[in-house]
Amino acid sequence: MLAQLLAEDRRPPARLWNEILVASRLMEYEIWTRLHARQLAESHGEAGLAYSSDESRCWSFPRRCLRVPLDAFPTIVRTLDALHLASCEYLRNQGQSIALASYDARMIALARAMDIPIFDLETA
């Protein structure tokens, strides 16, 4: 979302936006911290808010989502990555078909090690 919102050189392909997209509320905080860090909250805040306030796309994960055992992670994991991956695991355990969309190499490597499918953002 940030790559799209900030019109970065590397942005998700148009086909991503045709998918059913779901993110935890954590994404909302990540958007706002990056916008504030770059002093773009005033110019980009409305677009960020529009995406993150869409209740069909952003969900507040239940507490049980956070109970993914620490041994579920094949290596040391950063806190926010752990929360994103725990969300993926929770959704998979609920029978949802998911694929992680990320440009973060560490997150992708962890997801692959956990057999979480990856949405290919590199092909248009």
PDB file of N, CA and C in Angstrom:
ATOM      1  N   MET A   1       0.822  -1.188   0.000  1.00  0.00           N
ATOM      2  CA  MET A   1       0.000   0.000   0.000  1.00  0.00           C
ATOM      3  C   MET A   1       0.865   1.250   0.000  1.00  0.00           C
ATOM      4  N   LEU A   2       1.923   1.257   0.802  1.00  0.00           N
ATOM      5  CA  LEU A   2       2.783   2.438   0.860  1.00  0.00           C
ATOM      6  C   LEU A   2       3.452   2.724  -0.479  1.00  0.00           C
ATOM      7  N   ALA A   3       3.917   1.684  -1.153  1.00  0.00           N
ATOM      8  CA  ALA A   3       4.557   1.890  -2.461  1.00  0.00           C
ATOM      9  C   ALA A   3       3.582   2.538  -3.433  1.00  0.00           C
ATOM     10  N   GLN A   4       2.335   2.122  -3.391  1.00  0.00           N
ATOM     11  CA  GLN A   4       1.303   2.697  -4.256  1.00  0.00           C
ATOM     12  C   GLN A   4       0.980   4.121  -3.815  1.00  0.00           C
ATOM     13  N   LEU A   5       0.749   4.305  -2.547  1.00  0.00           N
ATOM     14  CA  LEU A   5       0.371   5.606  -2.001  1.00  0.00           C
ATOM     15  C   LEU A   5       1.442   6.661  -2.249  1.00  0.00           C
ATOM     16  N   LEU A   6       2.699   6.265  -2.142  1.00  0.00           N
ATOM     17  CA  LEU A   6       3.806   7.210  -2.297  1.00  0.00           C
ATOM     18  C   LEU A   6       4.354   7.252  -3.719  1.00  0.00           C
ATOM     19  N   ALA A   7       3.688   6.537  -4.629  1.00  0.00           N
ATOM     20  CA  ALA A   7       4.081   6.514  -6.044  1.00  0.00           C
ATOM     21  C   ALA A   7       5.569   6.219  -6.203  1.00  0.00           C
ATOM     22  N   GLU A   8       6.026   5.187  -5.487  1.00  0.00           N
ATOM     23  CA  GLU A   8       7.426   4.802  -5.565  1.00  0.00           C
ATOM     24  C   GLU A   8       7.715   4.158  -6.915  1.00  0.00           C
ATOM     25  N   ASP A   9       8.984   4.107  -7.269  1.00  0.00           N
ATOM     26  CA  ASP A   9       9.365   3.497  -8.541  1.00  0.00           C
ATOM     27  C   ASP A   9       8.883   2.057  -8.637  1.00  0.00           C
ATOM     28  N   ARG A  10       8.986   1.334  -7.549  1.00  0.00           N
ATOM     29  CA  ARG A  10       8.566  -0.064  -7.513  1.00  0.00           C
ATOM     30  C   ARG A  10       7.198  -0.120  -6.841  1.00  0.00           C
ATOM     31  N   ARG A  11       6.160  -0.323  -7.652  1.00  0.00           N
ATOM     32  CA  ARG A  11       4.791  -0.369  -7.161  1.00  0.00           C
ATOM     33  C   ARG A  11       4.144  -1.682  -7.555  1.00  0.00           C
ATOM     34  N   PRO A  12       3.127  -2.080  -6.807  1.00  0.00           N
ATOM     35  CA  PRO A  12       2.426  -3.317  -7.158  1.00  0.00           C
ATOM     36  C   PRO A  12       1.806  -3.229  -8.543  1.00  0.00           C
ATOM     37  N   PRO A  13       1.761  -4.344  -9.251  1.00  0.00           N
ATOM     38  CA  PRO A  13       1.124  -4.348 -10.565  1.00  0.00           C
ATOM     39  C   PRO A  13      -0.376  -4.097 -10.426  1.00  0.00           C
ATOM     40  N   ALA A  14      -0.972  -3.591 -11.475  1.00  0.00           N
ATOM     41  CA  ALA A  14      -2.398  -3.256 -11.462  1.00  0.00           C
ATOM     42  C   ALA A  14      -3.259  -4.462 -11.083  1.00  0.00           C
ATOM     43  N   ARG A  15      -2.810  -5.659 -11.451  1.00  0.00           N
ATOM     44  CA  ARG A  15      -3.616  -6.853 -11.163  1.00  0.00           C
ATOM     45  C   ARG A  15      -3.783  -7.103  -9.661  1.00  0.00           C
ATOM     46  N   LEU A  16      -2.880  -6.579  -8.843  1.00  0.00           N
ATOM     47  CA  LEU A  16      -3.027  -6.742  -7.388  1.00  0.00           C
ATOM     48  C   LEU A  16      -4.318  -6.093  -6.916  1.00  0.00           C
ATOM     49  N   TRP A  17      -4.630  -4.937  -7.464  1.00  0.00           N
ATOM     50  CA  TRP A  17      -5.802  -4.180  -7.001  1.00  0.00           C
ATOM     51  C   TRP A  17      -7.108  -4.822  -7.451  1.00  0.00           C
ATOM     52  N   ASN A  18      -7.034  -5.841  -8.308  1.00  0.00           N
ATOM     53  CA  ASN A  18      -8.226  -6.592  -8.698  1.00  0.00           C
ATOM     54  C   ASN A  18      -8.485  -7.767  -7.762  1.00  0.00           C
ATOM     55  N   GLU A  19      -7.549  -8.035  -6.881  1.00  0.00           N
ATOM     56  CA  GLU A  19      -7.676  -9.129  -5.924  1.00  0.00           C
ATOM     57  C   GLU A  19      -8.494  -8.674  -4.707  1.00  0.00           C
ATOM     58  N   ILE A  20      -8.960  -9.623  -3.928  1.00  0.00           N
ATOM     59  CA  ILE A  20      -9.564  -9.302  -2.634  1.00  0.00           C
ATOM     60  C   ILE A  20      -8.404  -9.059  -1.682  1.00  0.00           C
ATOM     61  N   LEU A  21      -8.281  -7.849  -1.202  1.00  0.00           N
ATOM     62  CA  LEU A  21      -7.153  -7.475  -0.355  1.00  0.00           C
ATOM     63  C   LEU A  21      -7.623  -7.316   1.086  1.00  0.00           C
ATOM     64  N   VAL A  22      -6.860  -7.902   1.982  1.00  0.00           N
ATOM     65  CA  VAL A  22      -7.160  -7.805   3.400  1.00  0.00           C
ATOM     66  C   VAL A  22      -5.869  -7.515   4.134  1.00  0.00           C
ATOM     67  N   ALA A  23      -5.932  -6.636   5.106  1.00  0.00           N
ATOM     68  CA  ALA A  23      -4.770  -6.326   5.933  1.00  0.00           C
ATOM     69  C   ALA A  23      -5.253  -6.099   7.360  1.00  0.00           C
ATOM     70  N   SER A  24      -4.371  -6.320   8.295  1.00  0.00           N
ATOM     71  CA  SER A  24      -4.730  -6.055   9.688  1.00  0.00           C
ATOM     72  C   SER A  24      -4.650  -4.559   9.943  1.00  0.00           C
ATOM     73  N   ARG A  25      -5.227  -4.123  11.029  1.00  0.00           N
ATOM     74  CA  ARG A  25      -5.166  -2.719  11.430  1.00  0.00           C
ATOM     75  C   ARG A  25      -3.725  -2.250  11.583  1.00  0.00           C
ATOM     76  N   LEU A  26      -2.819  -3.173  11.758  1.00  0.00           N
ATOM     77  CA  LEU A  26      -1.408  -2.832  11.867  1.00  0.00           C
ATOM     78  C   LEU A  26      -0.951  -2.022  10.658  1.00  0.00           C
ATOM     79  N   MET A  27      -1.496  -2.334   9.493  1.00  0.00           N
ATOM     80  CA  MET A  27      -1.120  -1.608   8.292  1.00  0.00           C
ATOM     81  C   MET A  27      -1.448  -0.120   8.427  1.00  0.00           C
ATOM     82  N   GLU A  28      -2.578   0.179   9.064  1.00  0.00           N
ATOM     83  CA  GLU A  28      -2.970   1.571   9.252  1.00  0.00           C
ATOM     84  C   GLU A  28      -1.891   2.333  10.018  1.00  0.00           C
ATOM     85  N   TYR A  29      -1.357   1.729  11.061  1.00  0.00           N
ATOM     86  CA  TYR A  29      -0.304   2.379  11.845  1.00  0.00           C
ATOM     87  C   TYR A  29       0.985   2.504  11.042  1.00  0.00           C
ATOM     88  N   GLU A  30       1.280   1.510  10.259  1.00  0.00           N
ATOM     89  CA  GLU A  30       2.487   1.584   9.428  1.00  0.00           C
ATOM     90  C   GLU A  30       2.365   2.701   8.386  1.00  0.00           C
ATOM     91  N   ILE A  31       1.196   2.835   7.797  1.00  0.00           N
ATOM     92  CA  ILE A  31       0.988   3.918   6.825  1.00  0.00           C
ATOM     93  C   ILE A  31       1.217   5.263   7.493  1.00  0.00           C
ATOM     94  N   TRP A  32       0.566   5.469   8.639  1.00  0.00           N
ATOM     95  CA  TRP A  32       0.662   6.771   9.297  1.00  0.00           C
ATOM     96  C   TRP A  32       2.060   7.066   9.827  1.00  0.00           C
ATOM     97  N   THR A  33       2.770   6.072  10.336  1.00  0.00           N
ATOM     98  CA  THR A  33       4.121   6.357  10.818  1.00  0.00           C
ATOM     99  C   THR A  33       5.035   6.745   9.668  1.00  0.00           C
ATOM    100  N   ARG A  34       4.884   6.100   8.517  1.00  0.00           N
ATOM    101  CA  ARG A  34       5.710   6.449   7.361  1.00  0.00           C
ATOM    102  C   ARG A  34       5.336   7.822   6.801  1.00  0.00           C
ATOM    103  N   LEU A  35       4.036   8.116   6.737  1.00  0.00           N
ATOM    104  CA  LEU A  35       3.616   9.427   6.243  1.00  0.00           C
ATOM    105  C   LEU A  35       4.127  10.541   7.157  1.00  0.00           C
ATOM    106  N   HIS A  36       4.020  10.340   8.470  1.00  0.00           N
ATOM    107  CA  HIS A  36       4.523  11.346   9.406  1.00  0.00           C
ATOM    108  C   HIS A  36       6.038  11.459   9.329  1.00  0.00           C
ATOM    109  N   ALA A  37       6.729  10.354   9.208  1.00  0.00           N
ATOM    110  CA  ALA A  37       8.192  10.380   9.126  1.00  0.00           C
ATOM    111  C   ALA A  37       8.663  11.158   7.901  1.00  0.00           C
ATOM    112  N   ARG A  38       7.910  11.069   6.827  1.00  0.00           N
ATOM    113  CA  ARG A  38       8.280  11.775   5.586  1.00  0.00           C
ATOM    114  C   ARG A  38       7.595  13.136   5.459  1.00  0.00           C
ATOM    115  N   GLN A  39       6.888  13.514   6.510  1.00  0.00           N
ATOM    116  CA  GLN A  39       6.144  14.778   6.546  1.00  0.00           C
ATOM    117  C   GLN A  39       5.160  14.881   5.379  1.00  0.00           C
ATOM    118  N   LEU A  40       4.457  13.772   5.131  1.00  0.00           N
ATOM    119  CA  LEU A  40       3.492  13.713   4.039  1.00  0.00           C
ATOM    120  C   LEU A  40       2.058  13.483   4.521  1.00  0.00           C
ATOM    121  N   ALA A  41       1.851  13.569   5.827  1.00  0.00           N
ATOM    122  CA  ALA A  41       0.524  13.281   6.371  1.00  0.00           C
ATOM    123  C   ALA A  41      -0.533  14.214   5.795  1.00  0.00           C
ATOM    124  N   GLU A  42      -0.192  15.474   5.629  1.00  0.00           N
ATOM    125  CA  GLU A  42      -1.171  16.434   5.109  1.00  0.00           C
ATOM    126  C   GLU A  42      -1.484  16.173   3.634  1.00  0.00           C
ATOM    127  N   SER A  43      -0.465  15.905   2.839  1.00  0.00           N
ATOM    128  CA  SER A  43      -0.686  15.724   1.407  1.00  0.00           C
ATOM    129  C   SER A  43      -1.190  14.332   1.031  1.00  0.00           C
ATOM    130  N   HIS A  44      -0.828  13.309   1.797  1.00  0.00           N
ATOM    131  CA  HIS A  44      -1.185  11.936   1.446  1.00  0.00           C
ATOM    132  C   HIS A  44      -2.124  11.271   2.450  1.00  0.00           C
ATOM    133  N   GLY A  45      -2.401  11.961   3.538  1.00  0.00           N
ATOM    134  CA  GLY A  45      -3.189  11.371   4.621  1.00  0.00           C
ATOM    135  C   GLY A  45      -4.581  10.950   4.218  1.00  0.00           C
ATOM    136  N   GLU A  46      -5.245  11.751   3.406  1.00  0.00           N
ATOM    137  CA  GLU A  46      -6.615  11.420   3.008  1.00  0.00           C
ATOM    138  C   GLU A  46      -6.668  10.108   2.235  1.00  0.00           C
ATOM    139  N   ALA A  47      -5.722   9.904   1.321  1.00  0.00           N
ATOM    140  CA  ALA A  47      -5.682   8.658   0.550  1.00  0.00           C
ATOM    141  C   ALA A  47      -5.362   7.470   1.457  1.00  0.00           C
ATOM    142  N   GLY A  48      -4.422   7.664   2.377  1.00  0.00           N
ATOM    143  CA  GLY A  48      -4.090   6.597   3.323  1.00  0.00           C
ATOM    144  C   GLY A  48      -5.256   6.255   4.212  1.00  0.00           C
ATOM    145  N   LEU A  49      -5.964   7.270   4.661  1.00  0.00           N
ATOM    146  CA  LEU A  49      -7.129   7.064   5.511  1.00  0.00           C
ATOM    147  C   LEU A  49      -8.241   6.358   4.751  1.00  0.00           C
ATOM    148  N   ALA A  50      -8.434   6.719   3.487  1.00  0.00           N
ATOM    149  CA  ALA A  50      -9.482   6.085   2.682  1.00  0.00           C
ATOM    150  C   ALA A  50      -9.249   4.582   2.583  1.00  0.00           C
ATOM    151  N   TYR A  51      -7.997   4.190   2.371  1.00  0.00           N
ATOM    152  CA  TYR A  51      -7.713   2.763   2.263  1.00  0.00           C
ATOM    153  C   TYR A  51      -7.836   2.076   3.617  1.00  0.00           C
ATOM    154  N   SER A  52      -7.228   2.652   4.639  1.00  0.00           N
ATOM    155  CA  SER A  52      -7.188   1.973   5.930  1.00  0.00           C
ATOM    156  C   SER A  52      -8.511   2.021   6.679  1.00  0.00           C
ATOM    157  N   SER A  53      -9.436   2.886   6.271  1.00  0.00           N
ATOM    158  CA  SER A  53     -10.730   2.928   6.954  1.00  0.00           C
ATOM    159  C   SER A  53     -11.758   2.027   6.284  1.00  0.00           C
ATOM    160  N   ASP A  54     -11.380   1.378   5.197  1.00  0.00           N
ATOM    161  CA  ASP A  54     -12.274   0.456   4.501  1.00  0.00           C
ATOM    162  C   ASP A  54     -12.406  -0.818   5.332  1.00  0.00           C
ATOM    163  N   GLU A  55     -13.533  -0.948   6.014  1.00  0.00           N
ATOM    164  CA  GLU A  55     -13.739  -2.081   6.936  1.00  0.00           C
ATOM    165  C   GLU A  55     -13.695  -3.431   6.224  1.00  0.00           C
ATOM    166  N   SER A  56     -13.944  -3.454   4.911  1.00  0.00           N
ATOM    167  CA  SER A  56     -13.911  -4.728   4.209  1.00  0.00           C
ATOM    168  C   SER A  56     -12.470  -5.146   3.904  1.00  0.00           C
ATOM    169  N   ARG A  57     -11.526  -4.212   4.019  1.00  0.00           N
ATOM    170  CA  ARG A  57     -10.132  -4.516   3.729  1.00  0.00           C
ATOM    171  C   ARG A  57      -9.265  -4.604   4.970  1.00  0.00           C
ATOM    172  N   CYS A  58      -9.596  -3.836   5.977  1.00  0.00           N
ATOM    173  CA  CYS A  58      -8.776  -3.808   7.192  1.00  0.00           C
ATOM    174  C   CYS A  58      -9.560  -4.406   8.345  1.00  0.00           C
ATOM    175  N   TRP A  59      -8.952  -5.305   9.022  1.00  0.00           N
ATOM    176  CA  TRP A  59      -9.634  -5.956  10.131  1.00  0.00           C
ATOM    177  C   TRP A  59      -8.777  -5.897  11.375  1.00  0.00           C
ATOM    178  N   SER A  60      -9.436  -5.861  12.499  1.00  0.00           N
ATOM    179  CA  SER A  60      -8.747  -5.905  13.779  1.00  0.00           C
ATOM    180  C   SER A  60      -8.613  -7.361  14.149  1.00  0.00           C
ATOM    181  N   PHE A  61      -7.376  -7.845  14.192  1.00  0.00           N
ATOM    182  CA  PHE A  61      -7.226  -9.267  14.440  1.00  0.00           C
ATOM    183  C   PHE A  61      -7.579  -9.607  15.876  1.00  0.00           C
ATOM    184  N   PRO A  62      -8.245 -10.734  16.044  1.00  0.00           N
ATOM    185  CA  PRO A  62      -8.629 -11.143  17.395  1.00  0.00           C
ATOM    186  C   PRO A  62      -7.397 -11.535  18.217  1.00  0.00           C
ATOM    187  N   ARG A  63      -7.543 -11.503  19.520  1.00  0.00           N
ATOM    188  CA  ARG A  63      -6.424 -11.825  20.415  1.00  0.00           C
ATOM    189  C   ARG A  63      -5.847 -13.196  20.113  1.00  0.00           C
ATOM    190  N   ARG A  64      -6.687 -14.142  19.758  1.00  0.00           N
ATOM    191  CA  ARG A  64      -6.174 -15.494  19.500  1.00  0.00           C
ATOM    192  C   ARG A  64      -5.235 -15.522  18.297  1.00  0.00           C
ATOM    193  N   CYS A  65      -5.352 -14.517  17.438  1.00  0.00           N
ATOM    194  CA  CYS A  65      -4.435 -14.407  16.304  1.00  0.00           C
ATOM    195  C   CYS A  65      -3.009 -14.213  16.809  1.00  0.00           C
ATOM    196  N   LEU A  66      -2.861 -13.533  17.916  1.00  0.00           N
ATOM    197  CA  LEU A  66      -1.540 -13.242  18.464  1.00  0.00           C
ATOM    198  C   LEU A  66      -0.947 -14.429  19.207  1.00  0.00           C
ATOM    199  N   ARG A  67      -1.675 -15.497  19.306  1.00  0.00           N
ATOM    200  CA  ARG A  67      -1.196 -16.671  20.038  1.00  0.00           C
ATOM    201  C   ARG A  67      -0.475 -17.676  19.162  1.00  0.00           C
ATOM    202  N   VAL A  68      -0.069 -17.254  17.976  1.00  0.00           N
ATOM    203  CA  VAL A  68       0.729 -18.143  17.135  1.00  0.00           C
ATOM    204  C   VAL A  68       1.994 -18.457  17.929  1.00  0.00           C
ATOM    205  N   PRO A  69       2.277 -19.723  18.122  1.00  0.00           N
ATOM    206  CA  PRO A  69       3.454 -20.075  18.932  1.00  0.00           C
ATOM    207  C   PRO A  69       4.736 -19.486  18.355  1.00  0.00           C
ATOM    208  N   LEU A  70       5.603 -19.058  19.230  1.00  0.00           N
ATOM    209  CA  LEU A  70       6.868 -18.487  18.777  1.00  0.00           C
ATOM    210  C   LEU A  70       7.670 -19.485  17.956  1.00  0.00           C
ATOM    211  N   ASP A  71       7.486 -20.769  18.219  1.00  0.00           N
ATOM    212  CA  ASP A  71       8.232 -21.764  17.441  1.00  0.00           C
ATOM    213  C   ASP A  71       7.669 -21.919  16.022  1.00  0.00           C
ATOM    214  N   ALA A  72       6.568 -21.203  15.723  1.00  0.00           N
ATOM    215  CA  ALA A  72       6.034 -21.237  14.361  1.00  0.00           C
ATOM    216  C   ALA A  72       6.947 -20.489  13.402  1.00  0.00           C
ATOM    217  N   PHE A  73       7.777 -19.609  13.940  1.00  0.00           N
ATOM    218  CA  PHE A  73       8.682 -18.832  13.107  1.00  0.00           C
ATOM    219  C   PHE A  73      10.002 -19.570  12.988  1.00  0.00           C
ATOM    220  N   PRO A  74      10.441 -19.814  11.766  1.00  0.00           N
ATOM    221  CA  PRO A  74      11.640 -20.632  11.547  1.00  0.00           C
ATOM    222  C   PRO A  74      12.952 -19.936  11.907  1.00  0.00           C
ATOM    223  N   THR A  75      12.893 -18.650  12.174  1.00  0.00           N
ATOM    224  CA  THR A  75      14.094 -17.896  12.516  1.00  0.00           C
ATOM    225  C   THR A  75      13.682 -16.691  13.348  1.00  0.00           C
ATOM    226  N   ILE A  76      14.637 -15.918  13.769  1.00  0.00           N
ATOM    227  CA  ILE A  76      14.333 -14.703  14.512  1.00  0.00           C
ATOM    228  C   ILE A  76      13.519 -13.789  13.616  1.00  0.00           C
ATOM    229  N   VAL A  77      12.493 -13.181  14.175  1.00  0.00           N
ATOM    230  CA  VAL A  77      11.575 -12.375  13.388  1.00  0.00           C
ATOM    231  C   VAL A  77      11.364 -11.024  14.066  1.00  0.00           C
ATOM    232  N   ARG A  78      11.291  -9.975  13.255  1.00  0.00           N
ATOM    233  CA  ARG A  78      11.002  -8.642  13.783  1.00  0.00           C
ATOM    234  C   ARG A  78       9.551  -8.606  14.262  1.00  0.00           C
ATOM    235  N   THR A  79       9.289  -7.775  15.249  1.00  0.00           N
ATOM    236  CA  THR A  79       7.972  -7.743  15.886  1.00  0.00           C
ATOM    237  C   THR A  79       6.842  -7.504  14.896  1.00  0.00           C
ATOM    238  N   LEU A  80       6.940  -6.478  14.079  1.00  0.00           N
ATOM    239  CA  LEU A  80       5.846  -6.193  13.147  1.00  0.00           C
ATOM    240  C   LEU A  80       5.694  -7.286  12.103  1.00  0.00           C
ATOM    241  N   ASP A  81       6.805  -7.862  11.672  1.00  0.00           N
ATOM    242  CA  ASP A  81       6.723  -8.990  10.738  1.00  0.00           C
ATOM    243  C   ASP A  81       6.017 -10.164  11.405  1.00  0.00           C
ATOM    244  N   ALA A  82       6.330 -10.395  12.673  1.00  0.00           N
ATOM    245  CA  ALA A  82       5.683 -11.485  13.405  1.00  0.00           C
ATOM    246  C   ALA A  82       4.173 -11.273  13.448  1.00  0.00           C
ATOM    247  N   LEU A  83       3.749 -10.044  13.651  1.00  0.00           N
ATOM    248  CA  LEU A  83       2.312  -9.761  13.690  1.00  0.00           C
ATOM    249  C   LEU A  83       1.668  -9.976  12.322  1.00  0.00           C
ATOM    250  N   HIS A  84       2.338  -9.555  11.268  1.00  0.00           N
ATOM    251  CA  HIS A  84       1.802  -9.785   9.916  1.00  0.00           C
ATOM    252  C   HIS A  84       1.726 -11.280   9.614  1.00  0.00           C
ATOM    253  N   LEU A  85       2.787 -12.002   9.932  1.00  0.00           N
ATOM    254  CA  LEU A  85       2.805 -13.444   9.654  1.00  0.00           C
ATOM    255  C   LEU A  85       1.821 -14.203  10.537  1.00  0.00           C
ATOM    256  N   ALA A  86       1.654 -13.746  11.771  1.00  0.00           N
ATOM    257  CA  ALA A  86       0.643 -14.356  12.647  1.00  0.00           C
ATOM    258  C   ALA A  86      -0.747 -14.148  12.056  1.00  0.00           C
ATOM    259  N   SER A  87      -0.970 -12.997  11.454  1.00  0.00           N
ATOM    260  CA  SER A  87      -2.255 -12.736  10.790  1.00  0.00           C
ATOM    261  C   SER A  87      -2.455 -13.698   9.629  1.00  0.00           C
ATOM    262  N   CYS A  88      -1.404 -13.913   8.843  1.00  0.00           N
ATOM    263  CA  CYS A  88      -1.490 -14.869   7.734  1.00  0.00           C
ATOM    264  C   CYS A  88      -1.815 -16.265   8.247  1.00  0.00           C
ATOM    265  N   GLU A  89      -1.119 -16.681   9.286  1.00  0.00           N
ATOM    266  CA  GLU A  89      -1.355 -18.015   9.855  1.00  0.00           C
ATOM    267  C   GLU A  89      -2.778 -18.127  10.383  1.00  0.00           C
ATOM    268  N   TYR A  90      -3.243 -17.098  11.058  1.00  0.00           N
ATOM    269  CA  TYR A  90      -4.601 -17.107  11.595  1.00  0.00           C
ATOM    270  C   TYR A  90      -5.619 -17.278  10.468  1.00  0.00           C
ATOM    271  N   LEU A  91      -5.468 -16.485   9.416  1.00  0.00           N
ATOM    272  CA  LEU A  91      -6.411 -16.577   8.296  1.00  0.00           C
ATOM    273  C   LEU A  91      -6.359 -17.945   7.632  1.00  0.00           C
ATOM    274  N   ARG A  92      -5.147 -18.483   7.479  1.00  0.00           N
ATOM    275  CA  ARG A  92      -5.032 -19.828   6.891  1.00  0.00           C
ATOM    276  C   ARG A  92      -5.709 -20.855   7.780  1.00  0.00           C
ATOM    277  N   ASN A  93      -5.526 -20.738   9.086  1.00  0.00           N
ATOM    278  CA  ASN A  93      -6.158 -21.675  10.023  1.00  0.00           C
ATOM    279  C   ASN A  93      -7.675 -21.541  10.028  1.00  0.00           C
ATOM    280  N   GLN A  94      -8.175 -20.401   9.556  1.00  0.00           N
ATOM    281  CA  GLN A  94      -9.619 -20.198   9.435  1.00  0.00           C
ATOM    282  C   GLN A  94     -10.141 -20.672   8.080  1.00  0.00           C
ATOM    283  N   GLY A  95      -9.256 -21.273   7.279  1.00  0.00           N
ATOM    284  CA  GLY A  95      -9.654 -21.817   5.987  1.00  0.00           C
ATOM    285  C   GLY A  95      -9.597 -20.825   4.839  1.00  0.00           C
ATOM    286  N   GLN A  96      -9.015 -19.665   5.066  1.00  0.00           N
ATOM    287  CA  GLN A  96      -8.906 -18.658   4.017  1.00  0.00           C
ATOM    288  C   GLN A  96      -7.724 -18.974   3.102  1.00  0.00           C
ATOM    289  N   SER A  97      -7.898 -18.694   1.833  1.00  0.00           N
ATOM    290  CA  SER A  97      -6.811 -18.809   0.876  1.00  0.00           C
ATOM    291  C   SER A  97      -6.121 -17.446   0.824  1.00  0.00           C
ATOM    292  N   ILE A  98      -4.847 -17.408   1.177  1.00  0.00           N
ATOM    293  CA  ILE A  98      -4.144 -16.131   1.260  1.00  0.00           C
ATOM    294  C   ILE A  98      -2.838 -16.185   0.475  1.00  0.00           C
ATOM    295  N   ALA A  99      -2.323 -15.012   0.144  1.00  0.00           N
ATOM    296  CA  ALA A  99      -0.983 -14.860  -0.421  1.00  0.00           C
ATOM    297  C   ALA A  99      -0.446 -13.539   0.113  1.00  0.00           C
ATOM    298  N   LEU A 100       0.769 -13.547   0.584  1.00  0.00           N
ATOM    299  CA  LEU A 100       1.395 -12.353   1.131  1.00  0.00           C
ATOM    300  C   LEU A 100       1.931 -11.484   0.004  1.00  0.00           C
ATOM    301  N   ALA A 101       1.598 -10.201   0.027  1.00  0.00           N
ATOM    302  CA  ALA A 101       2.128  -9.237  -0.943  1.00  0.00           C
ATOM    303  C   ALA A 101       3.082  -8.320  -0.197  1.00  0.00           C
ATOM    304  N   SER A 102       4.358  -8.420  -0.507  1.00  0.00           N
ATOM    305  CA  SER A 102       5.359  -7.612   0.187  1.00  0.00           C
ATOM    306  C   SER A 102       6.590  -7.441  -0.690  1.00  0.00           C
ATOM    307  N   TYR A 103       7.272  -6.328  -0.510  1.00  0.00           N
ATOM    308  CA  TYR A 103       8.566  -6.120  -1.156  1.00  0.00           C
ATOM    309  C   TYR A 103       9.707  -6.403  -0.182  1.00  0.00           C
ATOM    310  N   ASP A 104       9.390  -6.683   1.066  1.00  0.00           N
ATOM    311  CA  ASP A 104      10.390  -6.892   2.107  1.00  0.00           C
ATOM    312  C   ASP A 104      10.982  -8.304   1.983  1.00  0.00           C
ATOM    313  N   ALA A 105      12.258  -8.374   1.628  1.00  0.00           N
ATOM    314  CA  ALA A 105      12.916  -9.667   1.387  1.00  0.00           C
ATOM    315  C   ALA A 105      12.902 -10.559   2.622  1.00  0.00           C
ATOM    316  N   ARG A 106      13.117  -9.979   3.814  1.00  0.00           N
ATOM    317  CA  ARG A 106      13.095 -10.796   5.036  1.00  0.00           C
ATOM    318  C   ARG A 106      11.712 -11.377   5.286  1.00  0.00           C
ATOM    319  N   MET A 107      10.678 -10.553   5.078  1.00  0.00           N
ATOM    320  CA  MET A 107       9.305 -11.014   5.287  1.00  0.00           C
ATOM    321  C   MET A 107       8.977 -12.121   4.295  1.00  0.00           C
ATOM    322  N   ILE A 108       9.375 -11.953   3.051  1.00  0.00           N
ATOM    323  CA  ILE A 108       9.106 -12.965   2.023  1.00  0.00           C
ATOM    324  C   ILE A 108       9.820 -14.268   2.364  1.00  0.00           C
ATOM    325  N   ALA A 109      11.076 -14.180   2.792  1.00  0.00           N
ATOM    326  CA  ALA A 109      11.829 -15.393   3.147  1.00  0.00           C
ATOM    327  C   ALA A 109      11.159 -16.128   4.301  1.00  0.00           C
ATOM    328  N   LEU A 110      10.721 -15.401   5.306  1.00  0.00           N
ATOM    329  CA  LEU A 110      10.035 -16.028   6.439  1.00  0.00           C
ATOM    330  C   LEU A 110       8.717 -16.662   5.999  1.00  0.00           C
ATOM    331  N   ALA A 111       7.972 -15.941   5.189  1.00  0.00           N
ATOM    332  CA  ALA A 111       6.697 -16.479   4.718  1.00  0.00           C
ATOM    333  C   ALA A 111       6.915 -17.767   3.919  1.00  0.00           C
ATOM    334  N   ARG A 112       7.927 -17.758   3.070  1.00  0.00           N
ATOM    335  CA  ARG A 112       8.226 -18.976   2.292  1.00  0.00           C
ATOM    336  C   ARG A 112       8.611 -20.124   3.215  1.00  0.00           C
ATOM    337  N   ALA A 113       9.406 -19.832   4.235  1.00  0.00           N
ATOM    338  CA  ALA A 113       9.807 -20.876   5.183  1.00  0.00           C
ATOM    339  C   ALA A 113       8.604 -21.424   5.946  1.00  0.00           C
ATOM    340  N   MET A 114       7.559 -20.632   6.050  1.00  0.00           N
ATOM    341  CA  MET A 114       6.331 -21.060   6.737  1.00  0.00           C
ATOM    342  C   MET A 114       5.298 -21.596   5.746  1.00  0.00           C
ATOM    343  N   ASP A 115       5.705 -21.749   4.481  1.00  0.00           N
ATOM    344  CA  ASP A 115       4.811 -22.224   3.417  1.00  0.00           C
ATOM    345  C   ASP A 115       3.621 -21.306   3.185  1.00  0.00           C
ATOM    346  N   ILE A 116       3.810 -20.020   3.410  1.00  0.00           N
ATOM    347  CA  ILE A 116       2.774 -19.032   3.110  1.00  0.00           C
ATOM    348  C   ILE A 116       2.987 -18.602   1.660  1.00  0.00           C
ATOM    349  N   PRO A 117       1.975 -18.717   0.819  1.00  0.00           N
ATOM    350  CA  PRO A 117       2.117 -18.314  -0.574  1.00  0.00           C
ATOM    351  C   PRO A 117       2.455 -16.826  -0.705  1.00  0.00           C
ATOM    352  N   ILE A 118       3.214 -16.491  -1.746  1.00  0.00           N
ATOM    353  CA  ILE A 118       3.646 -15.127  -2.007  1.00  0.00           C
ATOM    354  C   ILE A 118       2.956 -14.632  -3.282  1.00  0.00           C
ATOM    355  N   PHE A 119       2.389 -13.446  -3.220  1.00  0.00           N
ATOM    356  CA  PHE A 119       1.835 -12.803  -4.419  1.00  0.00           C
ATOM    357  C   PHE A 119       3.007 -12.157  -5.143  1.00  0.00           C
ATOM    358  N   ASP A 120       3.192 -12.529  -6.394  1.00  0.00           N
ATOM    359  CA  ASP A 120       4.334 -12.023  -7.172  1.00  0.00           C
ATOM    360  C   ASP A 120       4.085 -10.578  -7.577  1.00  0.00           C
ATOM    361  N   LEU A 121       4.775  -9.654  -6.916  1.00  0.00           N
ATOM    362  CA  LEU A 121       4.630  -8.226  -7.214  1.00  0.00           C
ATOM    363  C   LEU A 121       5.553  -7.767  -8.336  1.00  0.00           C
ATOM    364  N   GLU A 122       6.453  -8.618  -8.754  1.00  0.00           N
ATOM    365  CA  GLU A 122       7.466  -8.220  -9.739  1.00  0.00           C
ATOM    366  C   GLU A 122       7.007  -8.320 -11.173  1.00  0.00           C
ATOM    367  N   THR A 123       5.973  -9.109 -11.436  1.00  0.00           N
ATOM    368  CA  THR A 123       5.493  -9.231 -12.813  1.00  0.00           C
ATOM    369  C   THR A 123       4.264  -8.356 -12.991  1.00  0.00           C
ATOM    370  N   ALA A 124       4.235  -7.646 -14.067  1.00  0.00           N
ATOM    371  CA  ALA A 124       3.112  -6.722 -14.333  1.00  0.00           C
ATOM    372  C   ALA A 124       1.909  -7.440 -14.861  1.00  0.00           C
TER     373      ALA A 124
END
